[in-house]
Amino acid sequence: MTYKEWAEEYFESAGRIKEKITELKIALLTVPAEQLQDINFRISSLYQMYLDCMHTAENLVKRKGVAF
């Protein structure tokens, strides 16, 4: 596996996480008030995971010319 392929996997993971965040944001409009805090916590956690995936993928893209 090359750095480029590895970066693509991270970008794909980030995309899936972003889709889930979007679903949860839509759910915020319809859930009972008691669940708002839990869903907001999940969104925050997923957003941190999204940022980690994007950061890692971008670093791997910078190194794509180097094989391992």
C-alpha atoms as a PDB file:
ATOM      1  CA  MET A   1       0.000   0.000   0.000  1.00  0.00           C
ATOM      2  CA  THR A   2       1.298   3.445  -0.871  1.00  0.00           C
ATOM      3  CA  TYR A   3       0.873   6.663   1.057  1.00  0.00           C
ATOM      4  CA  LYS A   4      -1.559   7.844  -1.610  1.00  0.00           C
ATOM      5  CA  GLU A   5      -3.785   4.770  -1.205  1.00  0.00           C
ATOM      6  CA  TRP A   6      -3.614   5.094   2.547  1.00  0.00           C
ATOM      7  CA  ALA A   7      -4.570   8.786   2.319  1.00  0.00           C
ATOM      8  CA  GLU A   8      -7.557   7.881   0.130  1.00  0.00           C
ATOM      9  CA  GLU A   9      -8.783   5.485   2.808  1.00  0.00           C
ATOM     10  CA  TYR A  10      -8.595   8.251   5.398  1.00  0.00           C
ATOM     11  CA  PHE A  11     -10.454  10.652   3.081  1.00  0.00           C
ATOM     12  CA  GLU A  12     -13.170   8.009   2.577  1.00  0.00           C
ATOM     13  CA  SER A  13     -13.455   7.489   6.329  1.00  0.00           C
ATOM     14  CA  ALA A  14     -13.732  11.246   6.833  1.00  0.00           C
ATOM     15  CA  GLY A  15     -16.538  11.329   4.254  1.00  0.00           C
ATOM     16  CA  ARG A  16     -18.482   8.598   6.040  1.00  0.00           C
ATOM     17  CA  ILE A  17     -18.057  10.391   9.365  1.00  0.00           C
ATOM     18  CA  LYS A  18     -19.247  13.656   7.819  1.00  0.00           C
ATOM     19  CA  GLU A  19     -22.363  11.904   6.484  1.00  0.00           C
ATOM     20  CA  LYS A  20     -23.133  10.592   9.975  1.00  0.00           C
ATOM     21  CA  ILE A  21     -22.677  14.083  11.427  1.00  0.00           C
ATOM     22  CA  THR A  22     -25.154  15.412   8.873  1.00  0.00           C
ATOM     23  CA  GLU A  23     -27.671  12.708   9.846  1.00  0.00           C
ATOM     24  CA  LEU A  24     -27.308  13.598  13.513  1.00  0.00           C
ATOM     25  CA  LYS A  25     -27.740  17.311  12.830  1.00  0.00           C
ATOM     26  CA  ILE A  26     -30.990  16.535  11.031  1.00  0.00           C
ATOM     27  CA  ALA A  27     -32.053  14.342  13.958  1.00  0.00           C
ATOM     28  CA  LEU A  28     -31.542  17.306  16.297  1.00  0.00           C
ATOM     29  CA  LEU A  29     -34.645  18.870  14.768  1.00  0.00           C
ATOM     30  CA  THR A  30     -36.930  16.037  15.816  1.00  0.00           C
ATOM     31  CA  VAL A  31     -35.566  14.460  19.002  1.00  0.00           C
ATOM     32  CA  PRO A  32     -36.949  15.123  22.460  1.00  0.00           C
ATOM     33  CA  ALA A  33     -35.172  17.771  24.507  1.00  0.00           C
ATOM     34  CA  GLU A  34     -33.736  15.113  26.832  1.00  0.00           C
ATOM     35  CA  GLN A  35     -31.649  13.691  23.977  1.00  0.00           C
ATOM     36  CA  LEU A  36     -30.224  16.962  22.674  1.00  0.00           C
ATOM     37  CA  GLN A  37     -27.182  16.915  24.931  1.00  0.00           C
ATOM     38  CA  ASP A  38     -26.328  13.314  24.006  1.00  0.00           C
ATOM     39  CA  ILE A  39     -26.626  13.961  20.288  1.00  0.00           C
ATOM     40  CA  ASN A  40     -24.569  17.138  20.518  1.00  0.00           C
ATOM     41  CA  PHE A  41     -21.877  15.174  22.361  1.00  0.00           C
ATOM     42  CA  ARG A  42     -21.891  12.532  19.605  1.00  0.00           C
ATOM     43  CA  ILE A  43     -21.622  15.234  16.951  1.00  0.00           C
ATOM     44  CA  SER A  44     -18.651  16.820  18.761  1.00  0.00           C
ATOM     45  CA  SER A  45     -16.900  13.477  19.113  1.00  0.00           C
ATOM     46  CA  LEU A  46     -17.479  12.570  15.480  1.00  0.00           C
ATOM     47  CA  TYR A  47     -16.311  15.989  14.338  1.00  0.00           C
ATOM     48  CA  GLN A  48     -13.018  15.483  16.192  1.00  0.00           C
ATOM     49  CA  MET A  49     -12.646  12.109  14.476  1.00  0.00           C
ATOM     50  CA  TYR A  50     -13.386  13.780  11.124  1.00  0.00           C
ATOM     51  CA  LEU A  51     -10.682  16.391  11.734  1.00  0.00           C
ATOM     52  CA  ASP A  52      -8.197  13.686  12.749  1.00  0.00           C
ATOM     53  CA  CYS A  53      -8.906  11.716   9.555  1.00  0.00           C
ATOM     54  CA  MET A  54      -8.548  14.805   7.374  1.00  0.00           C
ATOM     55  CA  HIS A  55      -5.313  15.866   9.066  1.00  0.00           C
ATOM     56  CA  THR A  56      -3.819  12.374   8.724  1.00  0.00           C
ATOM     57  CA  ALA A  57      -4.904  12.095   5.080  1.00  0.00           C
ATOM     58  CA  GLU A  58      -3.389  15.480   4.240  1.00  0.00           C
ATOM     59  CA  ASN A  59      -0.105  14.480   5.868  1.00  0.00           C
ATOM     60  CA  LEU A  60      -0.073  11.238   3.906  1.00  0.00           C
ATOM     61  CA  VAL A  61      -0.716  13.112   0.652  1.00  0.00           C
ATOM     62  CA  LYS A  62       2.339  15.243   1.374  1.00  0.00           C
ATOM     63  CA  ARG A  63       4.394  12.051   1.649  1.00  0.00           C
ATOM     64  CA  LYS A  64       2.831  10.222  -1.319  1.00  0.00           C
ATOM     65  CA  GLY A  65       6.089  10.208  -3.256  1.00  0.00           C
ATOM     66  CA  VAL A  66       7.688   7.981  -0.632  1.00  0.00           C
ATOM     67  CA  ALA A  67       6.895   4.259  -0.628  1.00  0.00           C
ATOM     68  CA  PHE A  68       7.077   2.097   2.462  1.00  0.00           C
END
